Amino acid sequence: MLERKDLIIDTDPGVDDAIALMLAVRSEHFNIKAITTVAGNTSIENTTRNARYVMNLLKREDIPIYSGATEPLIGKLHTAEFVHGTYGLGGLNPQNDTQLTHDAVAQMIRIIKTNPRPITVVTLGPLTNLAKAIQQDPSILDNIEEVVIMGGAIEVAGNMTRAAEFNIYVDPEAAAIVLQADVNKTLVPLDACNHVELPLSHFEEIKDANIRENAIKMVEDYINNTLALESESGAKAYDPLTIYYLMNPKVCTIKTYDVLVETKGEHTRGMTVADRRKVPDQENLVRVVTHIEADAFKHDLIQYINQES
């Protein structure tokens, strides 16, 4: 019998975040202890509303949702509404209540410290909440099994600037804190995601009519918005691939690097800088997923979403 991982998902929904939440919930691979929201793809009001909308869609209102950071540690918030739409979910305009709680960091600390076994923290947006939690109570690191981060670009171009991936760019100081923390860390960067695109027709295979219709409304606008920027024929699956790494690491190519975040460069702020030299003094090692088998992911994504919850 599958042993489920205990999970906190820190997220900024976002279309691909929404698909990632569908995969995480429907796969039944995880005990999701909480969803914490952060401003990133759009405002904290939108990301929290969107997270609740997706959980309502999946009939999993039992999973607690706590709202968190409204802005990065330093500077102003940069959003990606030009990709994810005005409200963050593509062609959808959720009308459910936002229900901001303003306590994601405190709840994250509480859950990690009281969980009976080490917990995995997955970050699908800027790392502001987790960085604040580490700053406030570094002892939480003792009960974290792994931090899995969707972010960064190691050997490929950024998608926010020529050097920086969006999640890291939005709050480089937070990313630096997390990547330098003494905890097991896995990075799922653009290198592992850029080659995986999901055509709109893929989502037509979802059996549940309500989920299917919502997914298509989200993804259709997402594809259209990114067509001129980066996508060729489908929706880039950044965040679902990060969840999928935890479900099926056997189809992932993983390398280990010392990774730092550039916080000061005029042209490189937010860049994830991996030391690819073979040197003996690398101390702050990060597992980096450099490739994920696209066909396996595409097959499994719909299979899992079609599972009865």
Protein backbone atom coordinates (compact mmCIF):
# COMPACT_ATOMS: atom_id res chain seq x y z
CA MET A 1 0.00 0.00 0.00
CA LEU A 2 1.27 3.47 -0.91
CA GLU A 3 2.64 5.42 2.05
CA ARG A 4 1.42 8.96 1.65
CA LYS A 5 3.80 11.85 2.21
CA ASP A 6 2.71 14.60 4.59
CA LEU A 7 2.68 17.80 2.57
CA ILE A 8 2.31 21.55 2.84
CA ILE A 9 1.75 23.21 -0.53
CA ASP A 10 2.73 26.87 -0.68
CA THR A 11 1.28 28.35 -3.84
CA ASP A 12 0.17 31.41 -5.83
CA PRO A 13 -2.61 30.12 -8.14
CA GLY A 14 -2.07 30.73 -11.21
CA VAL A 15 -3.27 28.33 -13.90
CA ASP A 16 -0.43 25.83 -13.62
CA ASP A 17 -0.71 25.99 -9.80
CA ALA A 18 -4.38 25.05 -10.13
CA ILE A 19 -3.51 22.04 -12.28
CA ALA A 20 -0.82 21.09 -9.76
CA LEU A 21 -3.37 21.20 -6.94
CA MET A 22 -5.71 18.98 -8.96
CA LEU A 23 -2.90 16.47 -9.45
CA ALA A 24 -1.79 16.53 -5.81
CA VAL A 25 -5.31 16.05 -4.47
CA ARG A 26 -6.57 13.47 -6.96
CA SER A 27 -3.40 11.35 -6.99
CA GLU A 28 -3.92 10.35 -3.35
CA HIS A 29 -0.13 10.23 -2.93
CA PHE A 30 -0.20 12.86 -0.19
CA ASN A 31 -1.69 13.85 3.13
CA ILE A 32 -2.08 17.54 2.40
CA LYS A 33 -1.88 19.20 5.79
CA ALA A 34 -2.45 22.71 4.48
CA ILE A 35 -2.33 24.98 1.48
CA THR A 36 -0.64 28.31 2.12
CA THR A 37 -1.00 31.15 -0.34
CA VAL A 38 1.43 33.87 -1.36
CA ALA A 39 1.24 36.83 -3.69
CA GLY A 40 3.03 36.10 -6.93
CA ASN A 41 1.21 35.32 -10.16
CA THR A 42 -1.41 37.75 -8.89
CA SER A 43 -2.43 39.46 -5.64
CA ILE A 44 -2.89 37.60 -2.37
CA GLU A 45 -6.65 38.20 -2.65
CA ASN A 46 -6.74 36.44 -6.00
CA THR A 47 -4.34 33.61 -5.16
CA THR A 48 -6.27 32.79 -1.98
CA ARG A 49 -9.64 32.98 -3.70
CA ASN A 50 -8.31 30.80 -6.50
CA ALA A 51 -6.96 28.18 -4.10
CA ARG A 52 -10.35 27.98 -2.41
CA TYR A 53 -12.08 27.81 -5.79
CA VAL A 54 -9.99 24.82 -6.84
CA MET A 55 -10.52 23.01 -3.55
CA ASN A 56 -14.28 23.60 -3.86
CA LEU A 57 -14.14 22.25 -7.39
CA LEU A 58 -12.41 19.11 -6.11
CA LYS A 59 -14.81 18.85 -3.15
CA ARG A 60 -11.90 19.08 -0.74
CA GLU A 61 -12.92 22.03 1.39
CA ASP A 62 -11.58 20.02 4.35
CA ILE A 63 -8.00 20.96 3.42
CA PRO A 64 -7.21 24.18 5.33
CA ILE A 65 -6.07 27.21 3.37
CA TYR A 66 -4.10 30.00 5.03
CA SER A 67 -3.22 33.26 3.31
CA GLY A 68 0.26 34.65 3.62
CA ALA A 69 2.65 37.26 2.27
CA THR A 70 1.20 40.12 0.25
CA GLU A 71 4.57 41.29 -1.07
CA PRO A 72 8.21 40.14 -1.24
CA LEU A 73 10.68 40.67 1.60
CA ILE A 74 12.17 43.66 -0.23
CA GLY A 75 10.69 45.86 -2.93
CA LYS A 76 7.38 45.78 -4.74
CA LEU A 77 5.43 42.82 -6.04
CA HIS A 78 5.78 41.85 -9.70
CA THR A 79 2.84 39.76 -10.91
CA ALA A 80 2.24 37.60 -13.99
CA GLU A 81 -1.33 38.55 -14.80
CA PHE A 82 -0.24 39.08 -18.40
CA VAL A 83 0.11 35.29 -18.50
CA HIS A 84 -2.47 34.06 -15.97
CA GLY A 85 -5.18 36.63 -16.60
CA THR A 86 -6.70 39.42 -14.53
CA TYR A 87 -7.83 37.10 -11.74
CA GLY A 88 -5.10 34.49 -12.08
CA LEU A 89 -7.10 31.59 -13.49
CA GLY A 90 -7.09 32.41 -17.18
CA GLY A 91 -10.61 32.75 -18.49
CA LEU A 92 -12.23 32.17 -15.10
CA ASN A 93 -13.38 34.90 -12.73
CA PRO A 94 -14.02 33.13 -9.43
CA GLN A 95 -16.77 34.72 -7.35
CA ASN A 96 -16.22 32.76 -4.13
CA ASP A 97 -15.17 34.52 -0.92
CA THR A 98 -11.46 35.20 -0.50
CA GLN A 99 -11.39 34.53 3.28
CA LEU A 100 -7.94 35.92 3.96
CA THR A 101 -6.48 34.61 7.22
CA HIS A 102 -3.12 36.48 7.21
CA ASP A 103 -1.47 33.68 9.20
CA ALA A 104 0.21 31.36 6.69
CA VAL A 105 3.66 31.72 8.27
CA ALA A 106 2.40 31.01 11.80
CA GLN A 107 0.35 28.05 10.60
CA MET A 108 3.27 26.69 8.60
CA ILE A 109 5.48 26.81 11.70
CA ARG A 110 2.77 25.20 13.85
CA ILE A 111 2.07 22.37 11.42
CA ILE A 112 5.73 21.56 10.82
CA LYS A 113 6.63 21.56 14.51
CA THR A 114 3.66 19.49 15.64
CA ASN A 115 3.54 16.99 12.81
CA PRO A 116 4.39 13.51 14.17
CA ARG A 117 6.84 12.84 11.33
CA PRO A 118 8.96 14.98 8.99
CA ILE A 119 6.88 16.90 6.48
CA THR A 120 7.59 17.89 2.88
CA VAL A 121 7.08 21.52 1.90
CA VAL A 122 6.39 22.21 -1.79
CA THR A 123 6.68 25.80 -2.99
CA LEU A 124 4.98 26.64 -6.28
CA GLY A 125 5.35 30.42 -6.05
CA PRO A 126 7.72 32.98 -4.54
CA LEU A 127 9.38 31.65 -1.39
CA THR A 128 8.36 34.51 0.89
CA ASN A 129 6.23 32.50 3.32
CA LEU A 130 8.79 29.76 3.87
CA ALA A 131 11.66 32.24 4.21
CA LYS A 132 9.73 34.14 6.87
CA ALA A 133 8.97 30.90 8.70
CA ILE A 134 12.65 29.94 8.71
CA GLN A 135 13.61 33.40 9.94
CA GLN A 136 11.05 33.31 12.73
CA ASP A 137 11.77 29.75 13.89
CA PRO A 138 14.79 28.00 12.37
CA SER A 139 14.00 24.88 14.42
CA ILE A 140 11.29 23.97 11.90
CA LEU A 141 14.09 22.71 9.66
CA ASP A 142 14.51 19.75 12.02
CA ASN A 143 11.10 18.37 11.06
CA ILE A 144 11.16 19.04 7.32
CA GLU A 145 11.89 15.98 5.20
CA GLU A 146 12.43 17.96 2.01
CA VAL A 147 11.73 21.35 0.49
CA VAL A 148 10.73 21.04 -3.17
CA ILE A 149 10.92 24.30 -5.09
CA MET A 150 9.48 25.13 -8.49
CA GLY A 151 11.91 27.78 -9.56
CA GLY A 152 15.14 28.79 -11.17
CA ALA A 153 16.92 28.31 -14.46
CA ILE A 154 20.26 26.52 -14.44
CA GLU A 155 21.36 26.08 -18.05
CA VAL A 156 18.46 27.78 -19.84
CA ALA A 157 17.20 31.33 -20.16
CA GLY A 158 14.89 32.84 -17.59
CA ASN A 159 11.22 33.44 -18.28
CA MET A 160 10.92 36.73 -16.40
CA THR A 161 14.24 38.24 -17.45
CA ARG A 162 17.07 36.91 -19.57
CA ALA A 163 18.56 35.41 -16.41
CA ALA A 164 15.76 34.85 -13.90
CA GLU A 165 12.79 32.52 -13.59
CA PHE A 166 9.60 34.18 -12.29
CA ASN A 167 9.24 32.65 -8.81
CA ILE A 168 12.83 33.41 -7.86
CA TYR A 169 12.76 36.85 -9.49
CA VAL A 170 9.72 37.98 -7.49
CA ASP A 171 11.54 37.47 -4.19
CA PRO A 172 15.24 36.66 -4.60
CA GLU A 173 16.02 37.43 -0.97
CA ALA A 174 13.48 34.83 0.18
CA ALA A 175 14.84 32.29 -2.30
CA ALA A 176 18.37 32.91 -1.03
CA ILE A 177 17.27 32.24 2.55
CA VAL A 178 15.59 28.96 1.63
CA LEU A 179 18.37 27.70 -0.64
CA GLN A 180 20.96 28.41 2.04
CA ALA A 181 18.95 26.69 4.79
CA ASP A 182 20.29 23.49 6.34
CA VAL A 183 17.59 21.18 4.98
CA ASN A 184 17.16 18.73 2.10
CA LYS A 185 16.29 20.81 -0.96
CA THR A 186 15.18 19.90 -4.47
CA LEU A 187 14.86 22.46 -7.23
CA VAL A 188 12.60 21.88 -10.25
CA PRO A 189 13.78 24.62 -12.64
CA LEU A 190 12.82 25.65 -16.14
CA ASP A 191 15.38 23.15 -17.43
CA ALA A 192 13.03 20.32 -16.44
CA CYS A 193 9.84 22.05 -17.55
CA ASN A 194 10.38 23.90 -20.81
CA HIS A 195 10.00 20.83 -23.01
CA VAL A 196 6.63 19.77 -21.56
CA GLU A 197 3.56 21.40 -23.11
CA LEU A 198 -0.03 20.30 -22.63
CA PRO A 199 -2.36 20.97 -25.58
CA LEU A 200 -5.89 22.05 -24.86
CA SER A 201 -7.15 18.73 -26.23
CA HIS A 202 -5.36 16.95 -23.37
CA PHE A 203 -7.77 18.47 -20.85
CA GLU A 204 -10.77 17.32 -22.87
CA GLU A 205 -9.94 13.83 -21.60
CA ILE A 206 -10.95 14.76 -18.04
CA LYS A 207 -14.06 12.74 -17.21
CA ASP A 208 -15.63 14.98 -14.56
CA ALA A 209 -17.57 17.53 -16.61
CA ASN A 210 -17.26 20.34 -14.07
CA ILE A 211 -13.52 19.90 -13.63
CA ARG A 212 -13.08 19.52 -17.40
CA GLU A 213 -14.97 22.71 -18.23
CA ASN A 214 -13.11 24.72 -15.61
CA ALA A 215 -9.73 23.36 -16.66
CA ILE A 216 -10.37 24.18 -20.32
CA LYS A 217 -11.47 27.74 -19.48
CA MET A 218 -8.30 28.23 -17.46
CA VAL A 219 -5.88 26.64 -19.88
CA GLU A 220 -7.26 28.10 -23.11
CA ASP A 221 -6.52 31.67 -22.03
CA TYR A 222 -3.20 30.61 -20.51
CA ILE A 223 -2.09 29.12 -23.83
CA ASN A 224 -3.23 32.18 -25.77
CA ASN A 225 -1.46 34.54 -23.38
CA THR A 226 1.83 32.66 -23.58
CA LEU A 227 1.74 31.87 -27.28
CA ALA A 228 3.77 34.91 -28.28
CA LEU A 229 6.07 34.67 -25.26
CA GLU A 230 7.22 31.10 -24.85
CA SER A 231 4.67 28.44 -25.76
CA GLU A 232 4.45 26.71 -29.11
CA SER A 233 1.41 24.49 -28.88
CA GLY A 234 0.27 24.07 -25.30
CA ALA A 235 0.33 25.01 -21.66
CA LYS A 236 3.67 24.89 -19.92
CA ALA A 237 3.33 22.57 -16.93
CA TYR A 238 5.78 24.05 -14.44
CA ASP A 239 3.96 23.44 -11.16
CA PRO A 240 2.31 20.08 -11.98
CA LEU A 241 5.75 18.74 -12.89
CA THR A 242 6.99 19.75 -9.45
CA ILE A 243 4.26 17.69 -7.82
CA TYR A 244 4.96 14.87 -10.27
CA TYR A 245 8.62 14.74 -9.23
CA LEU A 246 7.45 13.68 -5.77
CA MET A 247 5.12 11.08 -7.22
CA ASN A 248 7.45 9.51 -9.77
CA PRO A 249 11.11 10.41 -9.24
CA LYS A 250 12.15 7.42 -11.37
CA VAL A 251 11.35 9.37 -14.54
CA CYS A 252 13.41 12.36 -13.40
CA THR A 253 17.06 13.11 -14.12
CA ILE A 254 18.65 14.65 -11.05
CA LYS A 255 22.00 16.34 -10.55
CA THR A 256 23.48 17.90 -7.44
CA TYR A 257 24.84 21.43 -7.36
CA ASP A 258 25.72 24.21 -5.00
CA VAL A 259 23.11 26.82 -5.99
CA LEU A 260 23.12 30.48 -4.99
CA VAL A 261 20.66 33.24 -5.82
CA GLU A 262 21.86 36.55 -7.21
CA THR A 263 20.17 39.39 -5.30
CA LYS A 264 22.13 42.45 -6.42
CA GLY A 265 22.99 42.21 -10.11
CA GLU A 266 21.57 44.90 -12.37
CA HIS A 267 20.89 42.37 -15.12
CA THR A 268 21.01 39.15 -13.13
CA ARG A 269 18.85 39.77 -10.04
CA GLY A 270 16.91 36.57 -9.33
CA MET A 271 19.30 34.35 -11.26
CA THR A 272 19.96 30.88 -9.81
CA VAL A 273 23.70 30.36 -10.10
CA ALA A 274 24.82 26.73 -9.95
CA ASP A 275 28.45 25.83 -9.38
CA ARG A 276 28.96 23.27 -12.12
CA ARG A 277 32.67 22.88 -11.41
CA LYS A 278 33.94 19.71 -9.79
CA VAL A 279 35.32 21.22 -6.61
CA PRO A 280 35.64 19.57 -3.20
CA ASP A 281 34.37 22.42 -1.03
CA GLN A 282 30.74 22.56 -2.12
CA GLU A 283 28.69 22.61 1.07
CA ASN A 284 25.19 23.84 0.36
CA LEU A 285 24.12 21.15 -2.06
CA VAL A 286 20.77 21.20 -3.82
CA ARG A 287 19.22 18.37 -5.83
CA VAL A 288 18.31 19.81 -9.23
CA VAL A 289 15.82 18.06 -11.50
CA THR A 290 17.20 18.63 -14.99
CA HIS A 291 14.72 16.53 -16.99
CA ILE A 292 11.33 14.86 -16.53
CA GLU A 293 9.95 12.36 -19.06
CA ALA A 294 7.15 14.23 -20.81
CA ASP A 295 5.16 11.23 -22.04
CA ALA A 296 5.00 9.63 -18.61
CA PHE A 297 3.83 12.88 -17.05
CA LYS A 298 1.20 13.59 -19.70
CA HIS A 299 -0.25 10.10 -19.36
CA ASP A 300 -0.28 10.12 -15.57
CA LEU A 301 -1.67 13.65 -15.16
CA ILE A 302 -5.02 12.84 -16.73
CA GLN A 303 -5.12 9.34 -15.21
CA TYR A 304 -4.77 10.80 -11.73
CA ILE A 305 -7.16 13.70 -12.25
CA ASN A 306 -9.72 11.14 -13.43
CA GLN A 307 -9.42 9.13 -10.23
CA GLU A 308 -12.34 9.35 -7.86
CA SER A 309 -11.34 11.29 -4.77
